[in-house]
Amino acid sequence: MARRQAAQQADGVETDEVFEMAAEVFRVMSAPMRLKIISCLCNGEKNVSQLLEQIATTQPNMSQHLNTLYQAGVIGRRREGVQIFYRIINDRVVTLCRAVCTQIAIESDVKG
């Protein structure tokens, strides 16, 4: 058992650091609102007003979730005049999000 664990850690596959980083990704993606934002930004860069047109929430709530995604390195932002535009910068999170949401949609269709 100890030999298997050491081998896995040597490969860098299951080290404590990897598990901690994976847990952080899942924590960031644990809020439905953040998943909606990620999905919306998959279609291209948007400012807060454009996001609010597509996602029903308040501006302060949207800003809080955008800040969480930004701090986690999922999205980037740029300023153009008074507007701030957000975009996806972490494609791995998008891939994971799509895979999970697609699988859930498939399973719910099968059960329904």
PDB file of N, CA and C in Angstrom:
ATOM      1  N   MET A   1       0.825  -1.197   0.000  1.00  0.00           N
ATOM      2  CA  MET A   1       0.000   0.000   0.000  1.00  0.00           C
ATOM      3  C   MET A   1       0.869   1.261   0.000  1.00  0.00           C
ATOM      4  N   ALA A   2       1.862   1.308   0.893  1.00  0.00           N
ATOM      5  CA  ALA A   2       2.737   2.477   0.963  1.00  0.00           C
ATOM      6  C   ALA A   2       3.508   2.637  -0.337  1.00  0.00           C
ATOM      7  N   ARG A   3       3.905   1.508  -0.957  1.00  0.00           N
ATOM      8  CA  ARG A   3       4.645   1.565  -2.218  1.00  0.00           C
ATOM      9  C   ARG A   3       3.762   2.140  -3.319  1.00  0.00           C
ATOM     10  N   ARG A   4       2.487   1.719  -3.366  1.00  0.00           N
ATOM     11  CA  ARG A   4       1.548   2.241  -4.368  1.00  0.00           C
ATOM     12  C   ARG A   4       1.345   3.736  -4.169  1.00  0.00           C
ATOM     13  N   GLN A   5       1.176   4.158  -2.921  1.00  0.00           N
ATOM     14  CA  GLN A   5       0.978   5.572  -2.628  1.00  0.00           C
ATOM     15  C   GLN A   5       2.204   6.382  -3.028  1.00  0.00           C
ATOM     16  N   ALA A   6       3.385   5.869  -2.741  1.00  0.00           N
ATOM     17  CA  ALA A   6       4.614   6.566  -3.112  1.00  0.00           C
ATOM     18  C   ALA A   6       4.741   6.670  -4.624  1.00  0.00           C
ATOM     19  N   ALA A   7       4.361   5.611  -5.336  1.00  0.00           N
ATOM     20  CA  ALA A   7       4.430   5.630  -6.798  1.00  0.00           C
ATOM     21  C   ALA A   7       3.474   6.671  -7.370  1.00  0.00           C
ATOM     22  N   GLN A   8       2.263   6.729  -6.805  1.00  0.00           N
ATOM     23  CA  GLN A   8       1.300   7.707  -7.293  1.00  0.00           C
ATOM     24  C   GLN A   8       1.798   9.124  -7.029  1.00  0.00           C
ATOM     25  N   GLN A   9       2.394   9.350  -5.872  1.00  0.00           N
ATOM     26  CA  GLN A   9       2.913  10.670  -5.576  1.00  0.00           C
ATOM     27  C   GLN A   9       4.092  11.011  -6.470  1.00  0.00           C
ATOM     28  N   ALA A  10       4.903  10.004  -6.810  1.00  0.00           N
ATOM     29  CA  ALA A  10       6.043  10.239  -7.694  1.00  0.00           C
ATOM     30  C   ALA A  10       5.569  10.649  -9.084  1.00  0.00           C
ATOM     31  N   ASP A  11       4.450  10.095  -9.518  1.00  0.00           N
ATOM     32  CA  ASP A  11       3.886  10.457 -10.821  1.00  0.00           C
ATOM     33  C   ASP A  11       3.249  11.845 -10.788  1.00  0.00           C
ATOM     34  N   GLY A  12       3.045  12.379  -9.596  1.00  0.00           N
ATOM     35  CA  GLY A  12       2.386  13.684  -9.478  1.00  0.00           C
ATOM     36  C   GLY A  12       0.898  13.609  -9.695  1.00  0.00           C
ATOM     37  N   VAL A  13       0.348  12.398  -9.638  1.00  0.00           N
ATOM     38  CA  VAL A  13      -1.062  12.213  -9.932  1.00  0.00           C
ATOM     39  C   VAL A  13      -1.926  12.449  -8.697  1.00  0.00           C
ATOM     40  N   GLU A  14      -1.550  11.898  -7.580  1.00  0.00           N
ATOM     41  CA  GLU A  14      -2.405  11.970  -6.397  1.00  0.00           C
ATOM     42  C   GLU A  14      -1.670  12.537  -5.188  1.00  0.00           C
ATOM     43  N   THR A  15      -0.968  13.606  -5.364  1.00  0.00           N
ATOM     44  CA  THR A  15      -0.313  14.244  -4.232  1.00  0.00           C
ATOM     45  C   THR A  15      -1.324  15.108  -3.484  1.00  0.00           C
ATOM     46  N   ASP A  16      -1.015  15.442  -2.262  1.00  0.00           N
ATOM     47  CA  ASP A  16      -1.902  16.314  -1.484  1.00  0.00           C
ATOM     48  C   ASP A  16      -2.135  17.636  -2.205  1.00  0.00           C
ATOM     49  N   GLU A  17      -1.092  18.153  -2.835  1.00  0.00           N
ATOM     50  CA  GLU A  17      -1.211  19.422  -3.547  1.00  0.00           C
ATOM     51  C   GLU A  17      -2.210  19.317  -4.700  1.00  0.00           C
ATOM     52  N   VAL A  18      -2.177  18.211  -5.429  1.00  0.00           N
ATOM     53  CA  VAL A  18      -3.120  18.006  -6.537  1.00  0.00           C
ATOM     54  C   VAL A  18      -4.548  17.953  -6.008  1.00  0.00           C
ATOM     55  N   PHE A  19      -4.744  17.221  -4.909  1.00  0.00           N
ATOM     56  CA  PHE A  19      -6.090  17.137  -4.336  1.00  0.00           C
ATOM     57  C   PHE A  19      -6.565  18.502  -3.840  1.00  0.00           C
ATOM     58  N   GLU A  20      -5.679  19.277  -3.242  1.00  0.00           N
ATOM     59  CA  GLU A  20      -6.039  20.609  -2.768  1.00  0.00           C
ATOM     60  C   GLU A  20      -6.437  21.519  -3.934  1.00  0.00           C
ATOM     61  N   MET A  21      -5.665  21.446  -5.014  1.00  0.00           N
ATOM     62  CA  MET A  21      -5.967  22.270  -6.185  1.00  0.00           C
ATOM     63  C   MET A  21      -7.290  21.845  -6.823  1.00  0.00           C
ATOM     64  N   ALA A  22      -7.532  20.547  -6.897  1.00  0.00           N
ATOM     65  CA  ALA A  22      -8.790  20.048  -7.462  1.00  0.00           C
ATOM     66  C   ALA A  22      -9.967  20.481  -6.594  1.00  0.00           C
ATOM     67  N   ALA A  23      -9.802  20.416  -5.281  1.00  0.00           N
ATOM     68  CA  ALA A  23     -10.866  20.842  -4.370  1.00  0.00           C
ATOM     69  C   ALA A  23     -11.184  22.318  -4.557  1.00  0.00           C
ATOM     70  N   GLU A  24     -10.163  23.125  -4.806  1.00  0.00           N
ATOM     71  CA  GLU A  24     -10.376  24.553  -5.032  1.00  0.00           C
ATOM     72  C   GLU A  24     -11.169  24.792  -6.317  1.00  0.00           C
ATOM     73  N   VAL A  25     -10.855  24.041  -7.368  1.00  0.00           N
ATOM     74  CA  VAL A  25     -11.606  24.156  -8.628  1.00  0.00           C
ATOM     75  C   VAL A  25     -13.072  23.807  -8.382  1.00  0.00           C
ATOM     76  N   PHE A  26     -13.309  22.708  -7.665  1.00  0.00           N
ATOM     77  CA  PHE A  26     -14.692  22.307  -7.383  1.00  0.00           C
ATOM     78  C   PHE A  26     -15.394  23.324  -6.481  1.00  0.00           C
ATOM     79  N   ARG A  27     -14.666  23.929  -5.545  1.00  0.00           N
ATOM     80  CA  ARG A  27     -15.266  24.941  -4.679  1.00  0.00           C
ATOM     81  C   ARG A  27     -15.733  26.135  -5.507  1.00  0.00           C
ATOM     82  N   VAL A  28     -14.882  26.569  -6.425  1.00  0.00           N
ATOM     83  CA  VAL A  28     -15.229  27.711  -7.273  1.00  0.00           C
ATOM     84  C   VAL A  28     -16.441  27.385  -8.136  1.00  0.00           C
ATOM     85  N   MET A  29     -16.519  26.162  -8.605  1.00  0.00           N
ATOM     86  CA  MET A  29     -17.613  25.770  -9.496  1.00  0.00           C
ATOM     87  C   MET A  29     -18.840  25.266  -8.736  1.00  0.00           C
ATOM     88  N   SER A  30     -18.827  25.352  -7.407  1.00  0.00           N
ATOM     89  CA  SER A  30     -19.928  24.797  -6.622  1.00  0.00           C
ATOM     90  C   SER A  30     -21.177  25.673  -6.609  1.00  0.00           C
ATOM     91  N   ALA A  31     -21.081  26.896  -7.068  1.00  0.00           N
ATOM     92  CA  ALA A  31     -22.230  27.805  -7.078  1.00  0.00           C
ATOM     93  C   ALA A  31     -22.892  27.799  -8.459  1.00  0.00           C
ATOM     94  N   PRO A  32     -24.187  27.502  -8.514  1.00  0.00           N
ATOM     95  CA  PRO A  32     -24.885  27.518  -9.814  1.00  0.00           C
ATOM     96  C   PRO A  32     -24.706  28.836 -10.568  1.00  0.00           C
ATOM     97  N   MET A  33     -24.681  29.951  -9.846  1.00  0.00           N
ATOM     98  CA  MET A  33     -24.514  31.252 -10.507  1.00  0.00           C
ATOM     99  C   MET A  33     -23.178  31.315 -11.248  1.00  0.00           C
ATOM    100  N   ARG A  34     -22.122  30.790 -10.642  1.00  0.00           N
ATOM    101  CA  ARG A  34     -20.815  30.824 -11.301  1.00  0.00           C
ATOM    102  C   ARG A  34     -20.809  29.907 -12.525  1.00  0.00           C
ATOM    103  N   LEU A  35     -21.511  28.792 -12.464  1.00  0.00           N
ATOM    104  CA  LEU A  35     -21.616  27.920 -13.637  1.00  0.00           C
ATOM    105  C   LEU A  35     -22.358  28.630 -14.762  1.00  0.00           C
ATOM    106  N   LYS A  36     -23.383  29.378 -14.429  1.00  0.00           N
ATOM    107  CA  LYS A  36     -24.112  30.155 -15.435  1.00  0.00           C
ATOM    108  C   LYS A  36     -23.202  31.203 -16.076  1.00  0.00           C
ATOM    109  N   ILE A  37     -22.403  31.865 -15.255  1.00  0.00           N
ATOM    110  CA  ILE A  37     -21.482  32.880 -15.775  1.00  0.00           C
ATOM    111  C   ILE A  37     -20.462  32.238 -16.703  1.00  0.00           C
ATOM    112  N   ILE A  38     -19.890  31.119 -16.281  1.00  0.00           N
ATOM    113  CA  ILE A  38     -18.917  30.412 -17.126  1.00  0.00           C
ATOM    114  C   ILE A  38     -19.555  30.035 -18.454  1.00  0.00           C
ATOM    115  N   SER A  39     -20.764  29.489 -18.395  1.00  0.00           N
ATOM    116  CA  SER A  39     -21.468  29.093 -19.611  1.00  0.00           C
ATOM    117  C   SER A  39     -21.712  30.289 -20.522  1.00  0.00           C
ATOM    118  N   CYS A  40     -22.120  31.383 -19.947  1.00  0.00           N
ATOM    119  CA  CYS A  40     -22.393  32.597 -20.726  1.00  0.00           C
ATOM    120  C   CYS A  40     -21.117  33.130 -21.377  1.00  0.00           C
ATOM    121  N   LEU A  41     -20.016  33.093 -20.644  1.00  0.00           N
ATOM    122  CA  LEU A  41     -18.750  33.607 -21.178  1.00  0.00           C
ATOM    123  C   LEU A  41     -18.121  32.662 -22.195  1.00  0.00           C
ATOM    124  N   CYS A  42     -18.591  31.432 -22.269  1.00  0.00           N
ATOM    125  CA  CYS A  42     -18.091  30.508 -23.300  1.00  0.00           C
ATOM    126  C   CYS A  42     -18.425  31.023 -24.700  1.00  0.00           C
ATOM    127  N   ASN A  43     -19.464  31.844 -24.776  1.00  0.00           N
ATOM    128  CA  ASN A  43     -19.883  32.398 -26.061  1.00  0.00           C
ATOM    129  C   ASN A  43     -19.160  33.689 -26.406  1.00  0.00           C
ATOM    130  N   GLY A  44     -18.200  34.084 -25.571  1.00  0.00           N
ATOM    131  CA  GLY A  44     -17.430  35.284 -25.862  1.00  0.00           C
ATOM    132  C   GLY A  44     -17.409  36.262 -24.706  1.00  0.00           C
ATOM    133  N   GLU A  45     -16.536  37.227 -24.841  1.00  0.00           N
ATOM    134  CA  GLU A  45     -16.323  38.255 -23.828  1.00  0.00           C
ATOM    135  C   GLU A  45     -17.583  39.091 -23.631  1.00  0.00           C
ATOM    136  N   LYS A  46     -17.868  39.422 -22.358  1.00  0.00           N
ATOM    137  CA  LYS A  46     -19.054  40.235 -22.054  1.00  0.00           C
ATOM    138  C   LYS A  46     -18.758  41.150 -20.877  1.00  0.00           C
ATOM    139  N   ASN A  47     -19.493  42.275 -20.819  1.00  0.00           N
ATOM    140  CA  ASN A  47     -19.415  43.140 -19.644  1.00  0.00           C
ATOM    141  C   ASN A  47     -20.550  42.772 -18.688  1.00  0.00           C
ATOM    142  N   VAL A  48     -20.589  43.412 -17.534  1.00  0.00           N
ATOM    143  CA  VAL A  48     -21.582  43.063 -16.513  1.00  0.00           C
ATOM    144  C   VAL A  48     -23.004  43.269 -17.033  1.00  0.00           C
ATOM    145  N   SER A  49     -23.248  44.361 -17.742  1.00  0.00           N
ATOM    146  CA  SER A  49     -24.597  44.621 -18.271  1.00  0.00           C
ATOM    147  C   SER A  49     -25.045  43.504 -19.211  1.00  0.00           C
ATOM    148  N   GLN A  50     -24.137  43.047 -20.076  1.00  0.00           N
ATOM    149  CA  GLN A  50     -24.472  41.966 -21.005  1.00  0.00           C
ATOM    150  C   GLN A  50     -24.739  40.665 -20.253  1.00  0.00           C
ATOM    151  N   LEU A  51     -23.963  40.403 -19.214  1.00  0.00           N
ATOM    152  CA  LEU A  51     -24.188  39.203 -18.409  1.00  0.00           C
ATOM    153  C   LEU A  51     -25.535  39.274 -17.697  1.00  0.00           C
ATOM    154  N   LEU A  52     -25.871  40.459 -17.164  1.00  0.00           N
ATOM    155  CA  LEU A  52     -27.140  40.621 -16.454  1.00  0.00           C
ATOM    156  C   LEU A  52     -28.352  40.476 -17.379  1.00  0.00           C
ATOM    157  N   GLU A  53     -28.170  40.743 -18.680  1.00  0.00           N
ATOM    158  CA  GLU A  53     -29.259  40.532 -19.645  1.00  0.00           C
ATOM    159  C   GLU A  53     -29.568  39.047 -19.804  1.00  0.00           C
ATOM    160  N   GLN A  54     -28.567  38.207 -19.588  1.00  0.00           N
ATOM    161  CA  GLN A  54     -28.730  36.767 -19.807  1.00  0.00           C
ATOM    162  C   GLN A  54     -28.900  35.961 -18.523  1.00  0.00           C
ATOM    163  N   ILE A  55     -28.496  36.549 -17.390  1.00  0.00           N
ATOM    164  CA  ILE A  55     -28.546  35.832 -16.113  1.00  0.00           C
ATOM    165  C   ILE A  55     -29.330  36.675 -15.123  1.00  0.00           C
ATOM    166  N   ALA A  56     -30.392  36.099 -14.575  1.00  0.00           N
ATOM    167  CA  ALA A  56     -31.256  36.823 -13.646  1.00  0.00           C
ATOM    168  C   ALA A  56     -30.630  36.862 -12.246  1.00  0.00           C
ATOM    169  N   THR A  57     -30.069  38.008 -11.914  1.00  0.00           N
ATOM    170  CA  THR A  57     -29.522  38.250 -10.575  1.00  0.00           C
ATOM    171  C   THR A  57     -29.321  39.747 -10.418  1.00  0.00           C
ATOM    172  N   THR A  58     -28.879  40.149  -9.254  1.00  0.00           N
ATOM    173  CA  THR A  58     -28.599  41.561  -9.020  1.00  0.00           C
ATOM    174  C   THR A  58     -27.166  41.885  -9.446  1.00  0.00           C
ATOM    175  N   GLN A  59     -26.916  43.169  -9.670  1.00  0.00           N
ATOM    176  CA  GLN A  59     -25.567  43.589 -10.057  1.00  0.00           C
ATOM    177  C   GLN A  59     -24.555  43.291  -8.953  1.00  0.00           C
ATOM    178  N   PRO A  60     -24.859  43.559  -7.676  1.00  0.00           N
ATOM    179  CA  PRO A  60     -23.878  43.228  -6.633  1.00  0.00           C
ATOM    180  C   PRO A  60     -23.562  41.734  -6.547  1.00  0.00           C
ATOM    181  N   ASN A  61     -24.591  40.898  -6.708  1.00  0.00           N
ATOM    182  CA  ASN A  61     -24.375  39.450  -6.676  1.00  0.00           C
ATOM    183  C   ASN A  61     -23.513  39.007  -7.860  1.00  0.00           C
ATOM    184  N   MET A  62     -23.808  39.549  -9.034  1.00  0.00           N
ATOM    185  CA  MET A  62     -23.018  39.228 -10.234  1.00  0.00           C
ATOM    186  C   MET A  62     -21.561  39.623 -10.010  1.00  0.00           C
ATOM    187  N   SER A  63     -21.336  40.815  -9.507  1.00  0.00           N
ATOM    188  CA  SER A  63     -19.979  41.301  -9.284  1.00  0.00           C
ATOM    189  C   SER A  63     -19.224  40.422  -8.288  1.00  0.00           C
ATOM    190  N   GLN A  64     -19.907  39.979  -7.252  1.00  0.00           N
ATOM    191  CA  GLN A  64     -19.279  39.108  -6.259  1.00  0.00           C
ATOM    192  C   GLN A  64     -18.824  37.793  -6.898  1.00  0.00           C
ATOM    193  N   HIS A  65     -19.679  37.194  -7.705  1.00  0.00           N
ATOM    194  CA  HIS A  65     -19.329  35.930  -8.365  1.00  0.00           C
ATOM    195  C   HIS A  65     -18.227  36.131  -9.411  1.00  0.00           C
ATOM    196  N   LEU A  66     -18.289  37.228 -10.141  1.00  0.00           N
ATOM    197  CA  LEU A  66     -17.230  37.522 -11.111  1.00  0.00           C
ATOM    198  C   LEU A  66     -15.885  37.683 -10.399  1.00  0.00           C
ATOM    199  N   ASN A  67     -15.887  38.337  -9.259  1.00  0.00           N
ATOM    200  CA  ASN A  67     -14.653  38.518  -8.506  1.00  0.00           C
ATOM    201  C   ASN A  67     -14.095  37.172  -8.025  1.00  0.00           C
ATOM    202  N   THR A  68     -14.968  36.287  -7.573  1.00  0.00           N
ATOM    203  CA  THR A  68     -14.531  34.952  -7.147  1.00  0.00           C
ATOM    204  C   THR A  68     -13.895  34.200  -8.307  1.00  0.00           C
ATOM    205  N   LEU A  69     -14.523  34.242  -9.468  1.00  0.00           N
ATOM    206  CA  LEU A  69     -13.984  33.568 -10.646  1.00  0.00           C
ATOM    207  C   LEU A  69     -12.671  34.203 -11.090  1.00  0.00           C
ATOM    208  N   TYR A  70     -12.578  35.511 -10.983  1.00  0.00           N
ATOM    209  CA  TYR A  70     -11.350  36.217 -11.350  1.00  0.00           C
ATOM    210  C   TYR A  70     -10.211  35.845 -10.394  1.00  0.00           C
ATOM    211  N   GLN A  71     -10.486  35.890  -9.104  1.00  0.00           N
ATOM    212  CA  GLN A  71      -9.468  35.560  -8.108  1.00  0.00           C
ATOM    213  C   GLN A  71      -8.987  34.117  -8.249  1.00  0.00           C
ATOM    214  N   ALA A  72      -9.862  33.231  -8.702  1.00  0.00           N
ATOM    215  CA  ALA A  72      -9.515  31.820  -8.873  1.00  0.00           C
ATOM    216  C   ALA A  72      -8.784  31.555 -10.190  1.00  0.00           C
ATOM    217  N   GLY A  73      -8.677  32.578 -11.045  1.00  0.00           N
ATOM    218  CA  GLY A  73      -7.975  32.404 -12.313  1.00  0.00           C
ATOM    219  C   GLY A  73      -8.798  31.738 -13.399  1.00  0.00           C
ATOM    220  N   VAL A  74     -10.114  31.752 -13.230  1.00  0.00           N
ATOM    221  CA  VAL A  74     -10.998  31.159 -14.242  1.00  0.00           C
ATOM    222  C   VAL A  74     -11.287  32.157 -15.351  1.00  0.00           C
ATOM    223  N   ILE A  75     -11.486  33.415 -14.968  1.00  0.00           N
ATOM    224  CA  ILE A  75     -11.780  34.454 -15.955  1.00  0.00           C
ATOM    225  C   ILE A  75     -10.746  35.574 -15.861  1.00  0.00           C
ATOM    226  N   GLY A  76     -10.608  36.284 -16.966  1.00  0.00           N
ATOM    227  CA  GLY A  76      -9.772  37.468 -17.009  1.00  0.00           C
ATOM    228  C   GLY A  76     -10.663  38.658 -17.260  1.00  0.00           C
ATOM    229  N   ARG A  77     -10.105  39.851 -17.104  1.00  0.00           N
ATOM    230  CA  ARG A  77     -10.892  41.054 -17.343  1.00  0.00           C
ATOM    231  C   ARG A  77     -10.012  42.126 -17.962  1.00  0.00           C
ATOM    232  N   ARG A  78     -10.685  43.012 -18.707  1.00  0.00           N
ATOM    233  CA  ARG A  78      -9.990  44.152 -19.291  1.00  0.00           C
ATOM    234  C   ARG A  78     -10.924  45.348 -19.229  1.00  0.00           C
ATOM    235  N   ARG A  79     -10.340  46.502 -19.087  1.00  0.00           N
ATOM    236  CA  ARG A  79     -11.113  47.736 -19.009  1.00  0.00           C
ATOM    237  C   ARG A  79     -11.125  48.418 -20.376  1.00  0.00           C
ATOM    238  N   GLU A  80     -12.306  48.885 -20.746  1.00  0.00           N
ATOM    239  CA  GLU A  80     -12.472  49.692 -21.957  1.00  0.00           C
ATOM    240  C   GLU A  80     -13.349  50.873 -21.571  1.00  0.00           C
ATOM    241  N   GLY A  81     -12.708  52.007 -21.338  1.00  0.00           N
ATOM    242  CA  GLY A  81     -13.442  53.166 -20.820  1.00  0.00           C
ATOM    243  C   GLY A  81     -13.915  52.869 -19.413  1.00  0.00           C
ATOM    244  N   VAL A  82     -15.229  52.990 -19.186  1.00  0.00           N
ATOM    245  CA  VAL A  82     -15.781  52.691 -17.864  1.00  0.00           C
ATOM    246  C   VAL A  82     -16.250  51.248 -17.742  1.00  0.00           C
ATOM    247  N   GLN A  83     -16.255  50.540 -18.853  1.00  0.00           N
ATOM    248  CA  GLN A  83     -16.725  49.151 -18.871  1.00  0.00           C
ATOM    249  C   GLN A  83     -15.589  48.178 -18.577  1.00  0.00           C
ATOM    250  N   ILE A  84     -15.919  47.100 -17.869  1.00  0.00           N
ATOM    251  CA  ILE A  84     -14.965  46.003 -17.671  1.00  0.00           C
ATOM    252  C   ILE A  84     -15.535  44.788 -18.381  1.00  0.00           C
ATOM    253  N   PHE A  85     -14.737  44.197 -19.238  1.00  0.00           N
ATOM    254  CA  PHE A  85     -15.138  43.018 -20.002  1.00  0.00           C
ATOM    255  C   PHE A  85     -14.480  41.783 -19.413  1.00  0.00           C
ATOM    256  N   TYR A  86     -15.253  40.715 -19.302  1.00  0.00           N
ATOM    257  CA  TYR A  86     -14.784  39.457 -18.726  1.00  0.00           C
ATOM    258  C   TYR A  86     -14.712  38.389 -19.805  1.00  0.00           C
ATOM    259  N   ARG A  87     -13.741  37.489 -19.666  1.00  0.00           N
ATOM    260  CA  ARG A  87     -13.559  36.393 -20.627  1.00  0.00           C
ATOM    261  C   ARG A  87     -12.997  35.180 -19.890  1.00  0.00           C
ATOM    262  N   ILE A  88     -13.191  34.030 -20.472  1.00  0.00           N
ATOM    263  CA  ILE A  88     -12.638  32.785 -19.936  1.00  0.00           C
ATOM    264  C   ILE A  88     -11.142  32.759 -20.216  1.00  0.00           C
ATOM    265  N   ILE A  89     -10.348  32.418 -19.190  1.00  0.00           N
ATOM    266  CA  ILE A  89      -8.907  32.245 -19.410  1.00  0.00           C
ATOM    267  C   ILE A  89      -8.435  30.855 -18.979  1.00  0.00           C
ATOM    268  N   ASN A  90      -9.318  30.074 -18.354  1.00  0.00           N
ATOM    269  CA  ASN A  90      -8.961  28.732 -17.919  1.00  0.00           C
ATOM    270  C   ASN A  90      -9.844  27.729 -18.652  1.00  0.00           C
ATOM    271  N   ASP A  91      -9.339  27.216 -19.758  1.00  0.00           N
ATOM    272  CA  ASP A  91     -10.135  26.295 -20.577  1.00  0.00           C
ATOM    273  C   ASP A  91     -10.390  24.966 -19.887  1.00  0.00           C
ATOM    274  N   ARG A  92      -9.525  24.573 -18.960  1.00  0.00           N
ATOM    275  CA  ARG A  92      -9.743  23.303 -18.243  1.00  0.00           C
ATOM    276  C   ARG A  92     -11.026  23.350 -17.432  1.00  0.00           C
ATOM    277  N   VAL A  93     -11.309  24.498 -16.806  1.00  0.00           N
ATOM    278  CA  VAL A  93     -12.538  24.638 -16.027  1.00  0.00           C
ATOM    279  C   VAL A  93     -13.747  24.549 -16.947  1.00  0.00           C
ATOM    280  N   VAL A  94     -13.662  25.167 -18.119  1.00  0.00           N
ATOM    281  CA  VAL A  94     -14.754  25.112 -19.077  1.00  0.00           C
ATOM    282  C   VAL A  94     -14.990  23.669 -19.523  1.00  0.00           C
ATOM    283  N   THR A  95     -13.924  22.951 -19.823  1.00  0.00           N
ATOM    284  CA  THR A  95     -14.043  21.551 -20.242  1.00  0.00           C
ATOM    285  C   THR A  95     -14.703  20.717 -19.156  1.00  0.00           C
ATOM    286  N   LEU A  96     -14.271  20.908 -17.929  1.00  0.00           N
ATOM    287  CA  LEU A  96     -14.849  20.168 -16.806  1.00  0.00           C
ATOM    288  C   LEU A  96     -16.316  20.530 -16.613  1.00  0.00           C
ATOM    289  N   CYS A  97     -16.624  21.796 -16.672  1.00  0.00           N
ATOM    290  CA  CYS A  97     -18.000  22.265 -16.511  1.00  0.00           C
ATOM    291  C   CYS A  97     -18.915  21.671 -17.583  1.00  0.00           C
ATOM    292  N   ARG A  98     -18.468  21.730 -18.820  1.00  0.00           N
ATOM    293  CA  ARG A  98     -19.273  21.176 -19.922  1.00  0.00           C
ATOM    294  C   ARG A  98     -19.467  19.677 -19.780  1.00  0.00           C
ATOM    295  N   ALA A  99     -18.412  18.972 -19.404  1.00  0.00           N
ATOM    296  CA  ALA A  99     -18.499  17.509 -19.265  1.00  0.00           C
ATOM    297  C   ALA A  99     -19.521  17.129 -18.192  1.00  0.00           C
ATOM    298  N   VAL A 100     -19.446  17.771 -17.048  1.00  0.00           N
ATOM    299  CA  VAL A 100     -20.361  17.451 -15.950  1.00  0.00           C
ATOM    300  C   VAL A 100     -21.792  17.839 -16.317  1.00  0.00           C
ATOM    301  N   CYS A 101     -21.990  19.039 -16.824  1.00  0.00           N
ATOM    302  CA  CYS A 101     -23.345  19.495 -17.161  1.00  0.00           C
ATOM    303  C   CYS A 101     -23.957  18.660 -18.290  1.00  0.00           C
ATOM    304  N   THR A 102     -23.152  18.289 -19.276  1.00  0.00           N
ATOM    305  CA  THR A 102     -23.640  17.443 -20.368  1.00  0.00           C
ATOM    306  C   THR A 102     -24.056  16.078 -19.844  1.00  0.00           C
ATOM    307  N   GLN A 103     -23.237  15.489 -18.988  1.00  0.00           N
ATOM    308  CA  GLN A 103     -23.560  14.177 -18.426  1.00  0.00           C
ATOM    309  C   GLN A 103     -24.829  14.232 -17.598  1.00  0.00           C
ATOM    310  N   ILE A 104     -24.986  15.274 -16.808  1.00  0.00           N
ATOM    311  CA  ILE A 104     -26.199  15.419 -15.993  1.00  0.00           C
ATOM    312  C   ILE A 104     -27.419  15.573 -16.889  1.00  0.00           C
ATOM    313  N   ALA A 105     -27.300  16.351 -17.958  1.00  0.00           N
ATOM    314  CA  ALA A 105     -28.413  16.545 -18.894  1.00  0.00           C
ATOM    315  C   ALA A 105     -28.802  15.226 -19.556  1.00  0.00           C
ATOM    316  N   ILE A 106     -27.794  14.433 -19.939  1.00  0.00           N
ATOM    317  CA  ILE A 106     -28.046  13.128 -20.564  1.00  0.00           C
ATOM    318  C   ILE A 106     -28.764  12.212 -19.570  1.00  0.00           C
ATOM    319  N   GLU A 107     -28.268  12.159 -18.350  1.00  0.00           N
ATOM    320  CA  GLU A 107     -28.875  11.296 -17.343  1.00  0.00           C
ATOM    321  C   GLU A 107     -30.287  11.731 -16.995  1.00  0.00           C
ATOM    322  N   SER A 108     -30.544  13.035 -16.965  1.00  0.00           N
ATOM    323  CA  SER A 108     -31.888  13.500 -16.630  1.00  0.00           C
ATOM    324  C   SER A 108     -32.860  13.186 -17.765  1.00  0.00           C
ATOM    325  N   ASP A 109     -32.390  13.201 -19.019  1.00  0.00           N
ATOM    326  CA  ASP A 109     -33.224  12.812 -20.162  1.00  0.00           C
ATOM    327  C   ASP A 109     -33.563  11.343 -20.106  1.00  0.00           C
ATOM    328  N   VAL A 110     -32.604  10.523 -19.709  1.00  0.00           N
ATOM    329  CA  VAL A 110     -32.817   9.080 -19.615  1.00  0.00           C
ATOM    330  C   VAL A 110     -33.835   8.753 -18.529  1.00  0.00           C
ATOM    331  N   LYS A 111     -33.745   9.441 -17.395  1.00  0.00           N
ATOM    332  CA  LYS A 111     -34.658   9.204 -16.262  1.00  0.00           C
ATOM    333  C   LYS A 111     -36.039   9.760 -16.526  1.00  0.00           C
ATOM    334  N   GLY A 112     -36.100  10.854 -17.313  1.00  0.00           N
ATOM    335  CA  GLY A 112     -37.385  11.534 -17.542  1.00  0.00           C
ATOM    336  C   GLY A 112     -38.186  10.820 -18.518  1.00  0.00           C
TER     337      GLY A 112
END
